[in-house]
Amino acid sequence: MTECQNEIFRMAKQMVKERQDITGLNCIKGASGKVIVDDKGIKDSCKEYMEKLMNEENEWDRKISAEVKEGPADCIRMDEVRAVLKKTKRHKAPGLSGLVAEMIQATGVIGTHWILDLCNGIMKEGSMPEDWKS
């Protein structure tokens, strides 16, 4: 084979690999530094990490002020969802749901409407789905 053919095969192989679906995490390193491979252990480790992250107190100088807004929150607009999906980083590991940014971006207009309806529903109800909390 020539050098050019080798390069074409290498590029084709890379394209196929990039288009494979990522279905979940195989392993992660826990807080203790040990590698965790079982699904329950991965879920527990992620939960522990997020609880620590969200409950950590950060110091601030209290110089930032904002006016109190009365009434319900504004609805999220389609252009806001499109902008966020466009900024979302690609080739990142999925969360517990198994979804990655590429999957949502690949759904196009239908997926964007679905995300918009989901987010506005959460804003209207004032609470997140229960399975997101665990």
N, C-alpha and C. Protein backbone atom coordinates (compact mmCIF):
# COMPACT_ATOMS: atom_id res chain seq x y z
N MET A 1 0.83 -1.18 0.00
CA MET A 1 0.00 0.00 0.00
C MET A 1 0.87 1.24 0.00
N THR A 2 0.32 2.26 -0.58
CA THR A 2 1.07 3.51 -0.63
C THR A 2 0.81 4.32 0.64
N GLU A 3 1.61 5.32 0.82
CA GLU A 3 1.47 6.21 1.98
C GLU A 3 0.10 6.88 1.99
N CYS A 4 -0.38 7.27 0.82
CA CYS A 4 -1.67 7.94 0.70
C CYS A 4 -2.81 7.00 1.11
N GLN A 5 -2.75 5.74 0.69
CA GLN A 5 -3.79 4.77 1.06
C GLN A 5 -3.79 4.53 2.57
N ASN A 6 -2.62 4.42 3.16
CA ASN A 6 -2.53 4.24 4.61
C ASN A 6 -3.18 5.41 5.35
N GLU A 7 -2.93 6.61 4.86
CA GLU A 7 -3.50 7.80 5.49
C GLU A 7 -5.02 7.80 5.36
N ILE A 8 -5.55 7.40 4.23
CA ILE A 8 -7.00 7.34 4.02
C ILE A 8 -7.63 6.31 4.96
N PHE A 9 -7.04 5.13 5.09
CA PHE A 9 -7.56 4.11 6.00
C PHE A 9 -7.50 4.58 7.46
N ARG A 10 -6.44 5.27 7.82
CA ARG A 10 -6.31 5.78 9.18
C ARG A 10 -7.41 6.80 9.47
N MET A 11 -7.66 7.69 8.52
CA MET A 11 -8.70 8.70 8.70
C MET A 11 -10.09 8.06 8.78
N ALA A 12 -10.35 7.06 7.95
CA ALA A 12 -11.65 6.37 7.96
C ALA A 12 -11.86 5.66 9.29
N LYS A 13 -10.82 5.01 9.79
CA LYS A 13 -10.91 4.30 11.06
C LYS A 13 -11.20 5.29 12.20
N GLN A 14 -10.55 6.44 12.16
CA GLN A 14 -10.77 7.46 13.18
C GLN A 14 -12.20 7.99 13.11
N MET A 15 -12.73 8.20 11.90
CA MET A 15 -14.10 8.69 11.75
C MET A 15 -15.11 7.70 12.30
N VAL A 16 -14.89 6.41 12.06
CA VAL A 16 -15.80 5.38 12.57
C VAL A 16 -15.75 5.37 14.08
N LYS A 17 -14.56 5.47 14.65
CA LYS A 17 -14.41 5.46 16.11
C LYS A 17 -15.10 6.66 16.75
N GLU A 18 -15.01 7.84 16.12
CA GLU A 18 -15.62 9.05 16.67
C GLU A 18 -17.14 8.97 16.65
N ARG A 19 -17.71 8.21 15.74
CA ARG A 19 -19.16 8.15 15.62
C ARG A 19 -19.80 7.05 16.45
N GLN A 20 -19.01 6.30 17.19
CA GLN A 20 -19.56 5.27 18.05
C GLN A 20 -20.24 5.91 19.25
N ASP A 21 -21.37 5.34 19.66
CA ASP A 21 -22.09 5.85 20.82
C ASP A 21 -21.33 5.52 22.10
N ILE A 22 -21.34 6.46 23.00
CA ILE A 22 -20.77 6.24 24.33
C ILE A 22 -21.95 5.92 25.23
N THR A 23 -21.94 4.76 25.84
CA THR A 23 -23.11 4.32 26.60
C THR A 23 -22.96 4.49 28.10
N GLY A 24 -21.79 4.68 28.61
CA GLY A 24 -21.64 4.85 30.05
C GLY A 24 -20.18 4.82 30.46
N LEU A 25 -19.98 4.97 31.75
CA LEU A 25 -18.63 4.95 32.29
C LEU A 25 -18.19 3.52 32.55
N ASN A 26 -16.96 3.21 32.24
CA ASN A 26 -16.40 1.90 32.55
C ASN A 26 -15.78 1.89 33.93
N CYS A 27 -15.09 2.98 34.26
CA CYS A 27 -14.45 3.07 35.57
C CYS A 27 -14.13 4.52 35.88
N ILE A 28 -14.02 4.81 37.17
CA ILE A 28 -13.58 6.13 37.61
C ILE A 28 -12.68 5.95 38.83
N LYS A 29 -11.96 6.99 39.16
CA LYS A 29 -11.12 6.95 40.35
C LYS A 29 -11.88 7.63 41.47
N GLY A 30 -12.06 6.94 42.57
CA GLY A 30 -12.79 7.46 43.72
C GLY A 30 -11.98 8.47 44.51
N ALA A 31 -12.59 9.03 45.55
CA ALA A 31 -11.93 10.03 46.39
C ALA A 31 -10.68 9.47 47.07
N SER A 32 -10.70 8.17 47.37
CA SER A 32 -9.56 7.55 48.03
C SER A 32 -8.43 7.22 47.06
N GLY A 33 -8.70 7.38 45.75
CA GLY A 33 -7.69 7.08 44.75
C GLY A 33 -7.83 5.70 44.14
N LYS A 34 -8.76 4.88 44.68
CA LYS A 34 -8.98 3.54 44.14
C LYS A 34 -9.84 3.61 42.89
N VAL A 35 -9.59 2.72 41.94
CA VAL A 35 -10.39 2.64 40.72
C VAL A 35 -11.67 1.87 41.02
N ILE A 36 -12.81 2.46 40.62
CA ILE A 36 -14.12 1.85 40.86
C ILE A 36 -14.68 1.41 39.52
N VAL A 37 -15.13 0.14 39.44
CA VAL A 37 -15.61 -0.38 38.16
C VAL A 37 -17.08 -0.80 38.18
N ASP A 38 -17.66 -1.04 39.36
CA ASP A 38 -19.06 -1.49 39.39
C ASP A 38 -20.01 -0.28 39.31
N ASP A 39 -21.19 -0.47 38.71
CA ASP A 39 -22.13 0.62 38.48
C ASP A 39 -22.56 1.31 39.77
N LYS A 40 -22.87 0.54 40.81
CA LYS A 40 -23.30 1.14 42.08
C LYS A 40 -22.18 1.97 42.69
N GLY A 41 -20.96 1.46 42.64
CA GLY A 41 -19.82 2.20 43.17
C GLY A 41 -19.58 3.50 42.42
N ILE A 42 -19.73 3.46 41.10
CA ILE A 42 -19.56 4.67 40.28
C ILE A 42 -20.63 5.68 40.64
N LYS A 43 -21.88 5.21 40.74
CA LYS A 43 -22.99 6.11 41.09
C LYS A 43 -22.76 6.73 42.46
N ASP A 44 -22.38 5.91 43.44
CA ASP A 44 -22.15 6.41 44.80
C ASP A 44 -21.00 7.42 44.83
N SER A 45 -19.95 7.14 44.08
CA SER A 45 -18.79 8.03 44.04
C SER A 45 -19.16 9.37 43.41
N CYS A 46 -19.93 9.33 42.32
CA CYS A 46 -20.39 10.57 41.68
C CYS A 46 -21.28 11.37 42.62
N LYS A 47 -22.17 10.69 43.32
CA LYS A 47 -23.07 11.36 44.26
C LYS A 47 -22.26 12.01 45.38
N GLU A 48 -21.30 11.28 45.92
CA GLU A 48 -20.46 11.81 47.00
C GLU A 48 -19.69 13.05 46.53
N TYR A 49 -19.14 12.98 45.31
CA TYR A 49 -18.39 14.10 44.76
C TYR A 49 -19.29 15.32 44.58
N MET A 50 -20.49 15.12 44.01
CA MET A 50 -21.39 16.24 43.77
C MET A 50 -21.90 16.85 45.08
N GLU A 51 -22.17 16.01 46.09
CA GLU A 51 -22.60 16.54 47.38
C GLU A 51 -21.51 17.41 47.99
N LYS A 52 -20.26 16.95 47.90
CA LYS A 52 -19.14 17.73 48.43
C LYS A 52 -19.01 19.05 47.65
N LEU A 53 -19.12 18.96 46.34
CA LEU A 53 -18.97 20.13 45.48
C LEU A 53 -20.07 21.16 45.75
N MET A 54 -21.30 20.70 45.87
CA MET A 54 -22.43 21.61 46.03
C MET A 54 -22.57 22.15 47.46
N ASN A 55 -21.98 21.50 48.43
CA ASN A 55 -22.09 21.95 49.81
C ASN A 55 -20.85 22.68 50.31
N GLU A 56 -19.91 22.90 49.43
CA GLU A 56 -18.69 23.59 49.79
C GLU A 56 -18.94 25.09 49.87
N GLU A 57 -18.53 25.70 50.95
CA GLU A 57 -18.71 27.13 51.13
C GLU A 57 -17.53 27.88 50.52
N ASN A 58 -17.83 28.91 49.78
CA ASN A 58 -16.81 29.76 49.19
C ASN A 58 -16.93 31.15 49.77
N GLU A 59 -15.80 31.77 50.04
CA GLU A 59 -15.82 33.12 50.57
C GLU A 59 -16.06 34.10 49.43
N TRP A 60 -16.80 35.16 49.74
CA TRP A 60 -17.02 36.22 48.78
C TRP A 60 -17.13 37.54 49.51
N ASP A 61 -16.86 38.61 48.82
CA ASP A 61 -16.78 39.92 49.46
C ASP A 61 -18.13 40.63 49.57
N ARG A 62 -19.18 40.03 49.12
CA ARG A 62 -20.55 40.56 49.20
C ARG A 62 -20.72 41.90 48.49
N LYS A 63 -19.87 42.22 47.54
CA LYS A 63 -19.97 43.46 46.79
C LYS A 63 -20.99 43.36 45.65
N ILE A 64 -21.32 42.15 45.28
CA ILE A 64 -22.28 41.96 44.19
C ILE A 64 -23.69 42.13 44.73
N SER A 65 -24.46 42.95 44.06
CA SER A 65 -25.84 43.13 44.49
C SER A 65 -26.75 43.01 43.27
N ALA A 66 -27.97 42.62 43.54
CA ALA A 66 -28.96 42.49 42.47
C ALA A 66 -30.32 42.85 43.04
N GLU A 67 -31.16 43.36 42.17
CA GLU A 67 -32.51 43.70 42.61
C GLU A 67 -33.33 42.43 42.74
N VAL A 68 -34.23 42.44 43.71
CA VAL A 68 -35.11 41.30 43.90
C VAL A 68 -36.19 41.35 42.83
N LYS A 69 -36.41 40.21 42.20
CA LYS A 69 -37.42 40.14 41.15
C LYS A 69 -38.67 39.50 41.73
N GLU A 70 -39.77 40.13 41.53
CA GLU A 70 -41.04 39.62 42.02
C GLU A 70 -41.71 38.81 40.91
N GLY A 71 -42.47 37.82 41.31
CA GLY A 71 -43.25 37.04 40.35
C GLY A 71 -42.49 35.85 39.81
N PRO A 72 -43.11 35.16 38.85
CA PRO A 72 -42.48 33.95 38.30
C PRO A 72 -41.26 34.27 37.44
N ALA A 73 -40.40 33.29 37.33
CA ALA A 73 -39.20 33.44 36.50
C ALA A 73 -39.61 33.50 35.03
N ASP A 74 -38.80 34.19 34.24
CA ASP A 74 -39.06 34.25 32.80
C ASP A 74 -38.86 32.89 32.17
N CYS A 75 -39.60 32.63 31.10
CA CYS A 75 -39.43 31.37 30.37
C CYS A 75 -38.10 31.40 29.62
N ILE A 76 -37.54 30.24 29.44
CA ILE A 76 -36.30 30.10 28.67
C ILE A 76 -36.68 30.18 27.20
N ARG A 77 -35.89 30.89 26.43
CA ARG A 77 -36.18 31.08 25.00
C ARG A 77 -35.40 30.08 24.15
N MET A 78 -35.90 29.83 22.95
CA MET A 78 -35.28 28.88 22.02
C MET A 78 -33.86 29.30 21.68
N ASP A 79 -33.61 30.60 21.48
CA ASP A 79 -32.26 31.04 21.14
C ASP A 79 -31.28 30.81 22.27
N GLU A 80 -31.76 30.85 23.51
CA GLU A 80 -30.90 30.55 24.66
C GLU A 80 -30.49 29.08 24.67
N VAL A 81 -31.45 28.19 24.38
CA VAL A 81 -31.15 26.76 24.34
C VAL A 81 -30.17 26.47 23.21
N ARG A 82 -30.41 27.05 22.04
CA ARG A 82 -29.50 26.84 20.90
C ARG A 82 -28.08 27.30 21.24
N ALA A 83 -27.98 28.47 21.89
CA ALA A 83 -26.66 29.01 22.25
C ALA A 83 -25.93 28.09 23.22
N VAL A 84 -26.64 27.56 24.21
CA VAL A 84 -26.03 26.66 25.19
C VAL A 84 -25.60 25.36 24.52
N LEU A 85 -26.47 24.80 23.67
CA LEU A 85 -26.11 23.55 22.99
C LEU A 85 -24.91 23.75 22.07
N LYS A 86 -24.82 24.91 21.46
CA LYS A 86 -23.69 25.21 20.57
C LYS A 86 -22.38 25.30 21.36
N LYS A 87 -22.45 25.85 22.59
CA LYS A 87 -21.25 26.01 23.42
C LYS A 87 -20.84 24.73 24.14
N THR A 88 -21.75 23.76 24.21
CA THR A 88 -21.47 22.54 24.95
C THR A 88 -20.25 21.83 24.39
N LYS A 89 -19.34 21.46 25.26
CA LYS A 89 -18.11 20.79 24.84
C LYS A 89 -18.40 19.39 24.34
N ARG A 90 -17.70 18.99 23.31
CA ARG A 90 -17.88 17.67 22.72
C ARG A 90 -16.81 16.72 23.26
N HIS A 91 -17.05 15.44 23.08
CA HIS A 91 -16.10 14.38 23.46
C HIS A 91 -15.85 14.35 24.96
N LYS A 92 -16.90 14.61 25.75
CA LYS A 92 -16.80 14.53 27.20
C LYS A 92 -17.50 13.27 27.68
N ALA A 93 -17.14 12.78 28.83
CA ALA A 93 -17.75 11.57 29.39
C ALA A 93 -19.21 11.84 29.75
N PRO A 94 -20.06 10.83 29.59
CA PRO A 94 -21.48 11.02 29.92
C PRO A 94 -21.71 11.00 31.43
N GLY A 95 -22.84 11.53 31.83
CA GLY A 95 -23.25 11.46 33.23
C GLY A 95 -23.94 10.14 33.48
N LEU A 96 -24.66 10.05 34.59
CA LEU A 96 -25.34 8.81 34.95
C LEU A 96 -26.41 8.42 33.94
N SER A 97 -26.96 9.40 33.22
CA SER A 97 -28.00 9.10 32.22
C SER A 97 -27.42 8.42 30.99
N GLY A 98 -26.12 8.55 30.77
CA GLY A 98 -25.49 7.98 29.59
C GLY A 98 -25.54 8.91 28.39
N LEU A 99 -26.16 10.08 28.52
CA LEU A 99 -26.24 11.04 27.42
C LEU A 99 -24.95 11.85 27.32
N VAL A 100 -24.55 12.09 26.09
CA VAL A 100 -23.41 12.98 25.84
C VAL A 100 -23.90 14.13 24.97
N ALA A 101 -23.14 15.21 24.94
CA ALA A 101 -23.54 16.41 24.22
C ALA A 101 -23.83 16.11 22.74
N GLU A 102 -23.02 15.25 22.14
CA GLU A 102 -23.20 14.95 20.72
C GLU A 102 -24.57 14.34 20.43
N MET A 103 -25.09 13.56 21.37
CA MET A 103 -26.40 12.94 21.17
C MET A 103 -27.49 14.00 21.12
N ILE A 104 -27.43 14.94 22.05
CA ILE A 104 -28.44 16.00 22.10
C ILE A 104 -28.30 16.92 20.88
N GLN A 105 -27.06 17.26 20.52
CA GLN A 105 -26.84 18.13 19.38
C GLN A 105 -27.30 17.47 18.08
N ALA A 106 -27.17 16.15 17.98
CA ALA A 106 -27.54 15.44 16.76
C ALA A 106 -29.05 15.40 16.54
N THR A 107 -29.84 15.65 17.58
CA THR A 107 -31.30 15.61 17.42
C THR A 107 -31.84 16.83 16.71
N GLY A 108 -31.03 17.88 16.57
CA GLY A 108 -31.43 19.06 15.82
C GLY A 108 -32.58 19.81 16.46
N VAL A 109 -33.53 20.27 15.63
CA VAL A 109 -34.64 21.09 16.09
C VAL A 109 -35.54 20.34 17.07
N ILE A 110 -35.77 19.07 16.82
CA ILE A 110 -36.63 18.27 17.69
C ILE A 110 -36.06 18.21 19.11
N GLY A 111 -34.78 17.92 19.21
CA GLY A 111 -34.13 17.85 20.52
C GLY A 111 -34.08 19.19 21.21
N THR A 112 -33.88 20.25 20.43
CA THR A 112 -33.84 21.60 21.01
C THR A 112 -35.20 21.95 21.60
N HIS A 113 -36.28 21.63 20.88
CA HIS A 113 -37.63 21.87 21.41
C HIS A 113 -37.87 21.03 22.66
N TRP A 114 -37.40 19.79 22.66
CA TRP A 114 -37.59 18.92 23.81
C TRP A 114 -36.89 19.49 25.04
N ILE A 115 -35.64 19.93 24.87
CA ILE A 115 -34.88 20.54 25.97
C ILE A 115 -35.59 21.80 26.46
N LEU A 116 -36.07 22.62 25.52
CA LEU A 116 -36.78 23.86 25.87
C LEU A 116 -38.02 23.55 26.69
N ASP A 117 -38.83 22.60 26.23
CA ASP A 117 -40.05 22.22 26.97
C ASP A 117 -39.72 21.66 28.35
N LEU A 118 -38.69 20.82 28.41
CA LEU A 118 -38.28 20.24 29.69
C LEU A 118 -37.86 21.33 30.68
N CYS A 119 -37.00 22.23 30.24
CA CYS A 119 -36.51 23.29 31.13
C CYS A 119 -37.62 24.24 31.56
N ASN A 120 -38.48 24.63 30.63
CA ASN A 120 -39.58 25.52 30.98
C ASN A 120 -40.59 24.83 31.90
N GLY A 121 -40.78 23.53 31.72
CA GLY A 121 -41.64 22.78 32.63
C GLY A 121 -41.08 22.77 34.05
N ILE A 122 -39.78 22.60 34.17
CA ILE A 122 -39.12 22.62 35.48
C ILE A 122 -39.25 24.01 36.11
N MET A 123 -39.07 25.06 35.30
CA MET A 123 -39.20 26.43 35.81
C MET A 123 -40.63 26.70 36.28
N LYS A 124 -41.61 26.21 35.52
CA LYS A 124 -43.01 26.46 35.84
C LYS A 124 -43.41 25.73 37.13
N GLU A 125 -42.98 24.46 37.24
CA GLU A 125 -43.34 23.66 38.42
C GLU A 125 -42.52 24.04 39.64
N GLY A 126 -41.32 24.52 39.41
CA GLY A 126 -40.47 24.92 40.53
C GLY A 126 -39.72 23.77 41.17
N SER A 127 -39.70 22.60 40.52
CA SER A 127 -38.95 21.47 41.08
C SER A 127 -38.40 20.60 39.96
N MET A 128 -37.26 19.96 40.26
CA MET A 128 -36.62 19.07 39.31
C MET A 128 -37.21 17.66 39.44
N PRO A 129 -37.06 16.85 38.38
CA PRO A 129 -37.49 15.45 38.49
C PRO A 129 -36.72 14.73 39.62
N GLU A 130 -37.39 13.83 40.30
CA GLU A 130 -36.80 13.12 41.44
C GLU A 130 -35.52 12.36 41.08
N ASP A 131 -35.50 11.71 39.91
CA ASP A 131 -34.32 10.92 39.55
C ASP A 131 -33.09 11.78 39.27
N TRP A 132 -33.25 13.08 39.06
CA TRP A 132 -32.11 13.98 38.90
C TRP A 132 -31.47 14.29 40.25
N LYS A 133 -32.23 14.13 41.31
CA LYS A 133 -31.74 14.47 42.64
C LYS A 133 -30.91 13.37 43.27
N SER A 134 -31.02 12.15 42.76
CA SER A 134 -30.29 11.04 43.38
C SER A 134 -28.96 10.82 42.71
